PDB file of all heavy atoms in Angstrom:
ATOM      1  N   LEU A   1      73.255  92.090 110.643  1.00  0.00           N
ATOM      2  CA  LEU A   1      73.639  90.871 109.926  1.00  0.00           C
ATOM      3  C   LEU A   1      75.049  90.372 110.294  1.00  0.00           C
ATOM      4  O   LEU A   1      75.509  89.373 109.720  1.00  0.00           O
ATOM      5  CB  LEU A   1      73.551  91.135 108.422  1.00  0.00           C
ATOM      6  CG  LEU A   1      72.155  91.431 107.862  1.00  0.00           C
ATOM      7  CD1 LEU A   1      72.265  91.773 106.370  1.00  0.00           C
ATOM      8  CD2 LEU A   1      71.217  90.275 108.086  1.00  0.00           C
ATOM      9  N   LYS A   2      75.711  91.104 111.194  1.00  0.00           N
ATOM     10  CA  LYS A   2      77.053  90.757 111.667  1.00  0.00           C
ATOM     11  C   LYS A   2      78.119  90.872 110.527  1.00  0.00           C
ATOM     12  O   LYS A   2      79.124  90.159 110.566  1.00  0.00           O
ATOM     13  CB  LYS A   2      77.082  89.395 112.301  1.00  0.00           C
ATOM     14  CG  LYS A   2      76.170  89.241 113.516  1.00  0.00           C
ATOM     15  CD  LYS A   2      76.336  87.930 114.229  1.00  0.00           C
ATOM     16  CE  LYS A   2      75.367  87.752 115.371  1.00  0.00           C
ATOM     17  NZ  LYS A   2      75.367  88.830 116.361  1.00  0.00           N
ATOM     18  N   LEU A   3      77.806  91.716 109.526  1.00  0.00           N
ATOM     19  CA  LEU A   3      78.786  91.948 108.474  1.00  0.00           C
ATOM     20  C   LEU A   3      79.820  92.949 108.977  1.00  0.00           C
ATOM     21  O   LEU A   3      80.958  92.996 108.433  1.00  0.00           O
ATOM     22  CB  LEU A   3      78.107  92.479 107.222  1.00  0.00           C
ATOM     23  CG  LEU A   3      77.142  91.495 106.544  1.00  0.00           C
ATOM     24  CD1 LEU A   3      76.421  92.180 105.372  1.00  0.00           C
ATOM     25  CD2 LEU A   3      77.904  90.295 106.028  1.00  0.00           C
ATOM     26  N   ILE A   4      79.448  93.750 109.961  1.00  0.00           N
ATOM     27  CA  ILE A   4      80.377  94.658 110.610  1.00  0.00           C
ATOM     28  C   ILE A   4      80.183  94.523 112.121  1.00  0.00           C
ATOM     29  O   ILE A   4      79.103  94.090 112.562  1.00  0.00           O
ATOM     30  CB  ILE A   4      80.209  96.145 110.188  1.00  0.00           C
ATOM     31  CG1 ILE A   4      78.768  96.614 110.503  1.00  0.00           C
ATOM     32  CG2 ILE A   4      80.513  96.298 108.698  1.00  0.00           C
ATOM     33  CD1 ILE A   4      78.551  98.078 110.164  1.00  0.00           C
ATOM     34  N   THR A   5      81.200  94.867 112.903  1.00  0.00           N
ATOM     35  CA  THR A   5      81.091  94.703 114.354  1.00  0.00           C
ATOM     36  C   THR A   5      80.674  95.992 115.047  1.00  0.00           C
ATOM     37  O   THR A   5      80.188  95.958 116.162  1.00  0.00           O
ATOM     38  CB  THR A   5      82.441  94.262 114.914  1.00  0.00           C
ATOM     39  OG1 THR A   5      83.442  95.183 114.550  1.00  0.00           O
ATOM     40  CG2 THR A   5      82.803  92.873 114.402  1.00  0.00           C
ATOM     41  N   SER A   6      80.866  97.140 114.392  1.00  0.00           N
ATOM     42  CA  SER A   6      80.435  98.418 114.972  1.00  0.00           C
ATOM     43  C   SER A   6      80.168  99.408 113.833  1.00  0.00           C
ATOM     44  O   SER A   6      80.570  99.169 112.699  1.00  0.00           O
ATOM     45  CB  SER A   6      81.517  98.986 115.910  1.00  0.00           C
ATOM     46  OG  SER A   6      82.588  99.499 115.178  1.00  0.00           O
ATOM     47  N   LEU A   7      79.522 100.509 114.173  1.00  0.00           N
ATOM     48  CA  LEU A   7      79.229 101.527 113.171  1.00  0.00           C
ATOM     49  C   LEU A   7      80.486 102.227 112.642  1.00  0.00           C
ATOM     50  O   LEU A   7      80.485 102.845 111.585  1.00  0.00           O
ATOM     51  CB  LEU A   7      78.255 102.554 113.724  1.00  0.00           C
ATOM     52  CG  LEU A   7      76.858 102.031 114.135  1.00  0.00           C
ATOM     53  CD1 LEU A   7      75.956 103.172 114.557  1.00  0.00           C
ATOM     54  CD2 LEU A   7      76.216 101.254 112.983  1.00  0.00           C
ATOM     55  N   ASP A   8      81.594 102.106 113.425  1.00  0.00           N
ATOM     56  CA  ASP A   8      82.835 102.688 112.963  1.00  0.00           C
ATOM     57  C   ASP A   8      83.550 101.822 111.940  1.00  0.00           C
ATOM     58  O   ASP A   8      84.446 102.278 111.258  1.00  0.00           O
ATOM     59  CB  ASP A   8      83.791 102.877 114.185  1.00  0.00           C
ATOM     60  CG  ASP A   8      83.488 104.156 114.912  1.00  0.00           C
ATOM     61  OD1 ASP A   8      83.115 105.142 114.284  1.00  0.00           O
ATOM     62  OD2 ASP A   8      83.603 104.174 116.165  1.00  0.00           O
ATOM     63  N   VAL A   9      83.134 100.571 111.821  1.00  0.00           N
ATOM     64  CA  VAL A   9      83.733  99.613 110.863  1.00  0.00           C
ATOM     65  C   VAL A   9      85.257  99.621 110.996  1.00  0.00           C
ATOM     66  O   VAL A   9      85.967 100.063 110.096  1.00  0.00           O
ATOM     67  CB  VAL A   9      83.319  99.886 109.391  1.00  0.00           C
ATOM     68  CG1 VAL A   9      83.594  98.643 108.538  1.00  0.00           C
ATOM     69  CG2 VAL A   9      81.847 100.270 109.288  1.00  0.00           C
ATOM     70  N   PHE A  10      85.725  99.119 112.112  1.00  0.00           N
ATOM     71  CA  PHE A  10      87.181  99.166 112.416  1.00  0.00           C
ATOM     72  C   PHE A  10      88.014  98.373 111.427  1.00  0.00           C
ATOM     73  O   PHE A  10      89.131  98.757 111.083  1.00  0.00           O
ATOM     74  CB  PHE A  10      87.451  98.645 113.821  1.00  0.00           C
ATOM     75  CG  PHE A  10      86.918  99.568 114.891  1.00  0.00           C
ATOM     76  CD1 PHE A  10      85.853  99.178 115.702  1.00  0.00           C
ATOM     77  CD2 PHE A  10      87.507 100.804 115.106  1.00  0.00           C
ATOM     78  CE1 PHE A  10      85.408 100.042 116.724  1.00  0.00           C
ATOM     79  CE2 PHE A  10      87.075 101.663 116.117  1.00  0.00           C
ATOM     80  CZ  PHE A  10      86.000 101.267 116.898  1.00  0.00           C
ATOM     81  N   TYR A  11      87.488  97.243 110.934  1.00  0.00           N
ATOM     82  CA  TYR A  11      88.306  96.354 110.088  1.00  0.00           C
ATOM     83  C   TYR A  11      88.220  96.777 108.629  1.00  0.00           C
ATOM     84  O   TYR A  11      87.142  96.874 108.045  1.00  0.00           O
ATOM     85  CB  TYR A  11      87.861  94.902 110.251  1.00  0.00           C
ATOM     86  CG  TYR A  11      87.958  94.444 111.688  1.00  0.00           C
ATOM     87  CD1 TYR A  11      86.821  94.254 112.463  1.00  0.00           C
ATOM     88  CD2 TYR A  11      89.204  94.163 112.264  1.00  0.00           C
ATOM     89  CE1 TYR A  11      86.914  93.817 113.792  1.00  0.00           C
ATOM     90  CE2 TYR A  11      89.324  93.741 113.575  1.00  0.00           C
ATOM     91  CZ  TYR A  11      88.180  93.588 114.337  1.00  0.00           C
ATOM     92  OH  TYR A  11      88.276  93.188 115.646  1.00  0.00           O
ATOM     93  N   ARG A  12      89.372  97.022 107.995  1.00  0.00           N
ATOM     94  CA  ARG A  12      89.447  97.478 106.629  1.00  0.00           C
ATOM     95  C   ARG A  12      88.730  96.555 105.691  1.00  0.00           C
ATOM     96  O   ARG A  12      88.030  96.997 104.762  1.00  0.00           O
ATOM     97  CB  ARG A  12      90.925  97.628 106.214  1.00  0.00           C
ATOM     98  CG  ARG A  12      91.118  98.075 104.775  1.00  0.00           C
ATOM     99  CD  ARG A  12      92.619  98.219 104.466  1.00  0.00           C
ATOM    100  NE  ARG A  12      93.314  96.945 104.549  1.00  0.00           N
ATOM    101  CZ  ARG A  12      93.338  96.022 103.597  1.00  0.00           C
ATOM    102  NH1 ARG A  12      92.651  96.232 102.466  1.00  0.00           N
ATOM    103  NH2 ARG A  12      93.975  94.915 103.759  1.00  0.00           N
ATOM    104  N   GLU A  13      88.868  95.233 105.871  1.00  0.00           N
ATOM    105  CA  GLU A  13      88.264  94.245 104.973  1.00  0.00           C
ATOM    106  C   GLU A  13      86.754  94.302 104.948  1.00  0.00           C
ATOM    107  O   GLU A  13      86.106  93.848 104.015  1.00  0.00           O
ATOM    108  CB  GLU A  13      88.730  92.837 105.351  1.00  0.00           C
ATOM    109  CG  GLU A  13      90.211  92.597 105.211  1.00  0.00           C
ATOM    110  CD  GLU A  13      91.015  93.178 106.390  1.00  0.00           C
ATOM    111  OE1 GLU A  13      90.382  93.606 107.381  1.00  0.00           O
ATOM    112  OE2 GLU A  13      92.263  93.177 106.291  1.00  0.00           O
ATOM    113  N   ARG A  14      86.148  94.846 106.017  1.00  0.00           N
ATOM    114  CA  ARG A  14      84.693  94.916 106.096  1.00  0.00           C
ATOM    115  C   ARG A  14      84.116  96.269 105.682  1.00  0.00           C
ATOM    116  O   ARG A  14      82.936  96.499 105.822  1.00  0.00           O
ATOM    117  CB  ARG A  14      84.256  94.602 107.535  1.00  0.00           C
ATOM    118  CG  ARG A  14      84.621  93.177 107.968  1.00  0.00           C
ATOM    119  CD  ARG A  14      83.892  92.764 109.201  1.00  0.00           C
ATOM    120  NE  ARG A  14      84.203  91.379 109.588  1.00  0.00           N
ATOM    121  CZ  ARG A  14      83.586  90.705 110.559  1.00  0.00           C
ATOM    122  NH1 ARG A  14      82.635  91.281 111.235  1.00  0.00           N
ATOM    123  NH2 ARG A  14      83.938  89.476 110.834  1.00  0.00           N
ATOM    124  N   ARG A  15      84.995  97.131 105.139  1.00  0.00           N
ATOM    125  CA  ARG A  15      84.531  98.440 104.746  1.00  0.00           C
ATOM    126  C   ARG A  15      84.056  98.522 103.295  1.00  0.00           C
ATOM    127  O   ARG A  15      83.450  99.501 102.875  1.00  0.00           O
ATOM    128  CB  ARG A  15      85.661  99.462 104.948  1.00  0.00           C
ATOM    129  CG  ARG A  15      85.979  99.727 106.397  1.00  0.00           C
ATOM    130  CD  ARG A  15      87.077 100.768 106.565  1.00  0.00           C
ATOM    131  NE  ARG A  15      86.989 101.344 107.900  1.00  0.00           N
ATOM    132  CZ  ARG A  15      87.215 102.627 108.203  1.00  0.00           C
ATOM    133  NH1 ARG A  15      87.609 103.450 107.242  1.00  0.00           N
ATOM    134  NH2 ARG A  15      87.118 103.044 109.424  1.00  0.00           N
ATOM    135  N   HIS A  16      84.345  97.512 102.516  1.00  0.00           N
ATOM    136  CA  HIS A  16      84.060  97.556 101.109  1.00  0.00           C
ATOM    137  C   HIS A  16      82.573  97.752 100.794  1.00  0.00           C
ATOM    138  O   HIS A  16      82.179  98.663 100.041  1.00  0.00           O
ATOM    139  CB  HIS A  16      84.602  96.328 100.361  1.00  0.00           C
ATOM    140  CG  HIS A  16      86.055  96.075 100.565  1.00  0.00           C
ATOM    141  ND1 HIS A  16      87.008  97.078 100.398  1.00  0.00           N
ATOM    142  CD2 HIS A  16      86.749  94.964 100.926  1.00  0.00           C
ATOM    143  CE1 HIS A  16      88.205  96.585 100.627  1.00  0.00           C
ATOM    144  NE2 HIS A  16      88.072  95.300 100.973  1.00  0.00           N
ATOM    145  N   LEU A  17      81.738  96.892 101.363  1.00  0.00           N
ATOM    146  CA  LEU A  17      80.281  96.983 101.113  1.00  0.00           C
ATOM    147  C   LEU A  17      79.681  98.270 101.623  1.00  0.00           C
ATOM    148  O   LEU A  17      78.894  98.919 100.907  1.00  0.00           O
ATOM    149  CB  LEU A  17      79.564  95.791 101.721  1.00  0.00           C
ATOM    150  CG  LEU A  17      79.529  94.501 100.872  1.00  0.00           C
ATOM    151  CD1 LEU A  17      78.802  93.370 101.595  1.00  0.00           C
ATOM    152  CD2 LEU A  17      78.856  94.769  99.539  1.00  0.00           C
ATOM    153  N   PRO A  18      79.987  98.726 102.845  1.00  0.00           N
ATOM    154  CA  PRO A  18      79.477 100.016 103.282  1.00  0.00           C
ATOM    155  C   PRO A  18      79.848 101.172 102.357  1.00  0.00           C
ATOM    156  O   PRO A  18      79.064 102.065 102.091  1.00  0.00           O
ATOM    157  CB  PRO A  18      80.093 100.186 104.693  1.00  0.00           C
ATOM    158  CG  PRO A  18      80.270  98.812 105.173  1.00  0.00           C
ATOM    159  CD  PRO A  18      80.689  98.015 103.939  1.00  0.00           C
ATOM    160  N   TYR A  19      81.099 101.150 101.853  1.00  0.00           N
ATOM    161  CA  TYR A  19      81.512 102.158 100.891  1.00  0.00           C
ATOM    162  C   TYR A  19      80.621 102.129  99.638  1.00  0.00           C
ATOM    163  O   TYR A  19      80.184 103.164  99.141  1.00  0.00           O
ATOM    164  CB  TYR A  19      82.957 101.966 100.507  1.00  0.00           C
ATOM    165  CG  TYR A  19      83.963 102.726 101.341  1.00  0.00           C
ATOM    166  CD1 TYR A  19      85.038 102.073 101.940  1.00  0.00           C
ATOM    167  CD2 TYR A  19      83.870 104.096 101.522  1.00  0.00           C
ATOM    168  CE1 TYR A  19      85.987 102.779 102.720  1.00  0.00           C
ATOM    169  CE2 TYR A  19      84.782 104.799 102.270  1.00  0.00           C
ATOM    170  CZ  TYR A  19      85.811 104.133 102.881  1.00  0.00           C
ATOM    171  OH  TYR A  19      86.734 104.824 103.656  1.00  0.00           O
ATOM    172  N   ILE A  20      80.401 100.931  99.092  1.00  0.00           N
ATOM    173  CA  ILE A  20      79.639 100.810  97.846  1.00  0.00           C
ATOM    174  C   ILE A  20      78.237 101.333  98.035  1.00  0.00           C
ATOM    175  O   ILE A  20      77.725 102.111  97.222  1.00  0.00           O
ATOM    176  CB  ILE A  20      79.602  99.335  97.413  1.00  0.00           C
ATOM    177  CG1 ILE A  20      81.008  98.912  96.928  1.00  0.00           C
ATOM    178  CG2 ILE A  20      78.588  99.135  96.256  1.00  0.00           C
ATOM    179  CD1 ILE A  20      81.147  97.422  96.658  1.00  0.00           C
ATOM    180  N   PHE A  21      77.579 100.933  99.119  1.00  0.00           N
ATOM    181  CA  PHE A  21      76.208 101.387  99.347  1.00  0.00           C
ATOM    182  C   PHE A  21      76.163 102.880  99.662  1.00  0.00           C
ATOM    183  O   PHE A  21      75.228 103.575  99.252  1.00  0.00           O
ATOM    184  CB  PHE A  21      75.575 100.589 100.492  1.00  0.00           C
ATOM    185  CG  PHE A  21      75.039  99.253 100.070  1.00  0.00           C
ATOM    186  CD1 PHE A  21      75.866  98.130 100.104  1.00  0.00           C
ATOM    187  CD2 PHE A  21      73.741  99.078  99.651  1.00  0.00           C
ATOM    188  CE1 PHE A  21      75.395  96.901  99.704  1.00  0.00           C
ATOM    189  CE2 PHE A  21      73.236  97.867  99.252  1.00  0.00           C
ATOM    190  CZ  PHE A  21      74.050  96.738  99.297  1.00  0.00           C
ATOM    191  N   GLY A  22      77.154 103.346 100.390  1.00  0.00           N
ATOM    192  CA  GLY A  22      77.210 104.769 100.699  1.00  0.00           C
ATOM    193  C   GLY A  22      77.405 105.632  99.493  1.00  0.00           C
ATOM    194  O   GLY A  22      76.719 106.656  99.294  1.00  0.00           O
ATOM    195  N   ILE A  23      78.301 105.239  98.588  1.00  0.00           N
ATOM    196  CA  ILE A  23      78.538 105.945  97.362  1.00  0.00           C
ATOM    197  C   ILE A  23      77.303 105.952  96.472  1.00  0.00           C
ATOM    198  O   ILE A  23      76.961 106.971  95.867  1.00  0.00           O
ATOM    199  CB  ILE A  23      79.751 105.357  96.609  1.00  0.00           C
ATOM    200  CG1 ILE A  23      81.057 105.624  97.408  1.00  0.00           C
ATOM    201  CG2 ILE A  23      79.883 105.966  95.212  1.00  0.00           C
ATOM    202  CD1 ILE A  23      82.239 104.822  96.900  1.00  0.00           C
ATOM    203  N   ALA A  24      76.620 104.801  96.384  1.00  0.00           N
ATOM    204  CA  ALA A  24      75.411 104.682  95.608  1.00  0.00           C
ATOM    205  C   ALA A  24      74.358 105.675  96.134  1.00  0.00           C
ATOM    206  O   ALA A  24      73.669 106.340  95.326  1.00  0.00           O
ATOM    207  CB  ALA A  24      74.848 103.243  95.670  1.00  0.00           C
ATOM    208  N   SER A  25      74.230 105.750  97.450  1.00  0.00           N
ATOM    209  CA  SER A  25      73.261 106.704  98.046  1.00  0.00           C
ATOM    210  C   SER A  25      73.633 108.141  97.707  1.00  0.00           C
ATOM    211  O   SER A  25      72.783 108.968  97.386  1.00  0.00           O
ATOM    212  CB  SER A  25      73.200 106.488  99.553  1.00  0.00           C
ATOM    213  OG  SER A  25      72.223 107.311 100.140  1.00  0.00           O
ATOM    214  N   TYR A  26      74.928 108.438  97.781  1.00  0.00           N
ATOM    215  CA  TYR A  26      75.413 109.785  97.454  1.00  0.00           C
ATOM    216  C   TYR A  26      75.123 110.120  95.999  1.00  0.00           C
ATOM    217  O   TYR A  26      74.753 111.256  95.688  1.00  0.00           O
ATOM    218  CB  TYR A  26      76.922 109.889  97.674  1.00  0.00           C
ATOM    219  CG  TYR A  26      77.350 110.084  99.123  1.00  0.00           C
ATOM    220  CD1 TYR A  26      76.452 110.060 100.168  1.00  0.00           C
ATOM    221  CD2 TYR A  26      78.701 110.296  99.439  1.00  0.00           C
ATOM    222  CE1 TYR A  26      76.836 110.246 101.468  1.00  0.00           C
ATOM    223  CE2 TYR A  26      79.097 110.469 100.755  1.00  0.00           C
ATOM    224  CZ  TYR A  26      78.177 110.455 101.761  1.00  0.00           C
ATOM    225  OH  TYR A  26      78.574 110.634 103.048  1.00  0.00           O
ATOM    226  N   ILE A  27      75.280 109.149  95.102  1.00  0.00           N
ATOM    227  CA  ILE A  27      75.059 109.393  93.679  1.00  0.00           C
ATOM    228  C   ILE A  27      73.577 109.695  93.423  1.00  0.00           C
ATOM    229  O   ILE A  27      73.244 110.675  92.725  1.00  0.00           O
ATOM    230  CB  ILE A  27      75.538 108.206  92.841  1.00  0.00           C
ATOM    231  CG1 ILE A  27      77.059 108.113  92.878  1.00  0.00           C
ATOM    232  CG2 ILE A  27      75.017 108.304  91.402  1.00  0.00           C
ATOM    233  CD1 ILE A  27      77.632 106.897  92.192  1.00  0.00           C
ATOM    234  N   VAL A  28      72.682 108.895  94.021  1.00  0.00           N
ATOM    235  CA  VAL A  28      71.247 109.112  93.818  1.00  0.00           C
ATOM    236  C   VAL A  28      70.852 110.453  94.388  1.00  0.00           C
ATOM    237  O   VAL A  28      70.166 111.266  93.728  1.00  0.00           O
ATOM    238  CB  VAL A  28      70.422 108.003  94.478  1.00  0.00           C
ATOM    239  CG1 VAL A  28      68.922 108.330  94.440  1.00  0.00           C
ATOM    240  CG2 VAL A  28      70.682 106.675  93.819  1.00  0.00           C
ATOM    241  N   GLY A  29      71.269 110.751  95.626  1.00  0.00           N
ATOM    242  CA  GLY A  29      70.940 112.033  96.219  1.00  0.00           C
ATOM    243  C   GLY A  29      71.569 113.195  95.445  1.00  0.00           C
ATOM    244  O   GLY A  29      70.939 114.245  95.267  1.00  0.00           O
ATOM    245  N   GLY A  30      72.793 112.980  94.981  1.00  0.00           N
ATOM    246  CA  GLY A  30      73.501 114.030  94.223  1.00  0.00           C
ATOM    247  C   GLY A  30      72.780 114.352  92.934  1.00  0.00           C
ATOM    248  O   GLY A  30      72.648 115.517  92.559  1.00  0.00           O
ATOM    249  N   LEU A  31      72.317 113.340  92.217  1.00  0.00           N
ATOM    250  CA  LEU A  31      71.590 113.576  90.955  1.00  0.00           C
ATOM    251  C   LEU A  31      70.307 114.349  91.200  1.00  0.00           C
ATOM    252  O   LEU A  31      69.945 115.228  90.398  1.00  0.00           O
ATOM    253  CB  LEU A  31      71.283 112.234  90.270  1.00  0.00           C
ATOM    254  CG  LEU A  31      72.486 111.497  89.674  1.00  0.00           C
ATOM    255  CD1 LEU A  31      72.092 110.119  89.140  1.00  0.00           C
ATOM    256  CD2 LEU A  31      73.113 112.326  88.537  1.00  0.00           C
ATOM    257  N   LEU A  32      69.601 114.028  92.286  1.00  0.00           N
ATOM    258  CA  LEU A  32      68.377 114.750  92.618  1.00  0.00           C
ATOM    259  C   LEU A  32      68.680 116.195  92.969  1.00  0.00           C
ATOM    260  O   LEU A  32      67.918 117.078  92.547  1.00  0.00           O
ATOM    261  CB  LEU A  32      67.655 114.046  93.799  1.00  0.00           C
ATOM    262  CG  LEU A  32      67.057 112.677  93.493  1.00  0.00           C
ATOM    263  CD1 LEU A  32      66.541 112.012  94.775  1.00  0.00           C
ATOM    264  CD2 LEU A  32      65.938 112.807  92.483  1.00  0.00           C
ATOM    265  N   LEU A  33      69.756 116.438  93.656  1.00  0.00           N
ATOM    266  CA  LEU A  33      70.153 117.796  93.984  1.00  0.00           C
ATOM    267  C   LEU A  33      70.550 118.566  92.753  1.00  0.00           C
ATOM    268  O   LEU A  33      70.155 119.766  92.551  1.00  0.00           O
ATOM    269  CB  LEU A  33      71.318 117.798  94.994  1.00  0.00           C
ATOM    270  CG  LEU A  33      70.998 117.508  96.486  1.00  0.00           C
ATOM    271  CD1 LEU A  33      72.298 117.576  97.277  1.00  0.00           C
ATOM    272  CD2 LEU A  33      70.020 118.535  97.007  1.00  0.00           C
ATOM    273  N   LEU A  34      71.356 117.941  91.903  1.00  0.00           N
ATOM    274  CA  LEU A  34      71.861 118.632  90.720  1.00  0.00           C
ATOM    275  C   LEU A  34      70.764 119.051  89.749  1.00  0.00           C
ATOM    276  O   LEU A  34      70.957 119.973  88.944  1.00  0.00           O
ATOM    277  CB  LEU A  34      72.837 117.716  89.987  1.00  0.00           C
ATOM    278  CG  LEU A  34      74.216 117.508  90.696  1.00  0.00           C
ATOM    279  CD1 LEU A  34      75.045 116.448  89.950  1.00  0.00           C
ATOM    280  CD2 LEU A  34      74.982 118.816  90.811  1.00  0.00           C
ATOM    281  N   SER A  35      69.621 118.385  89.807  1.00  0.00           N
ATOM    282  CA  SER A  35      68.509 118.767  88.924  1.00  0.00           C
ATOM    283  C   SER A  35      67.786 120.028  89.387  1.00  0.00           C
ATOM    284  O   SER A  35      66.946 120.559  88.675  1.00  0.00           O
ATOM    285  CB  SER A  35      67.489 117.600  88.839  1.00  0.00           C
ATOM    286  OG  SER A  35      66.909 117.369  90.118  1.00  0.00           O
ATOM    287  N   HIS A  36      68.198 120.547  90.561  1.00  0.00           N
ATOM    288  CA  HIS A  36      67.508 121.742  91.107  1.00  0.00           C
ATOM    289  C   HIS A  36      68.437 122.836  91.618  1.00  0.00           C
ATOM    290  O   HIS A  36      67.994 123.774  92.232  1.00  0.00           O
ATOM    291  CB  HIS A  36      66.560 121.333  92.235  1.00  0.00           C
ATOM    292  CG  HIS A  36      65.483 120.387  91.804  1.00  0.00           C
ATOM    293  ND1 HIS A  36      64.464 120.722  90.951  1.00  0.00           N
ATOM    294  CD2 HIS A  36      65.281 119.060  92.158  1.00  0.00           C
ATOM    295  CE1 HIS A  36      63.677 119.670  90.760  1.00  0.00           C
ATOM    296  NE2 HIS A  36      64.155 118.672  91.456  1.00  0.00           N
TER     297      HIS A  36
END
């Protein structure tokens, strides 16, 4: 979608959304792990 230019996300201003989605994924996965 051209929201980032590379998988490294070089530009600080474009890191906000990847962080949010990544943290959300960690939380969901973490809750599933913690239940077992």
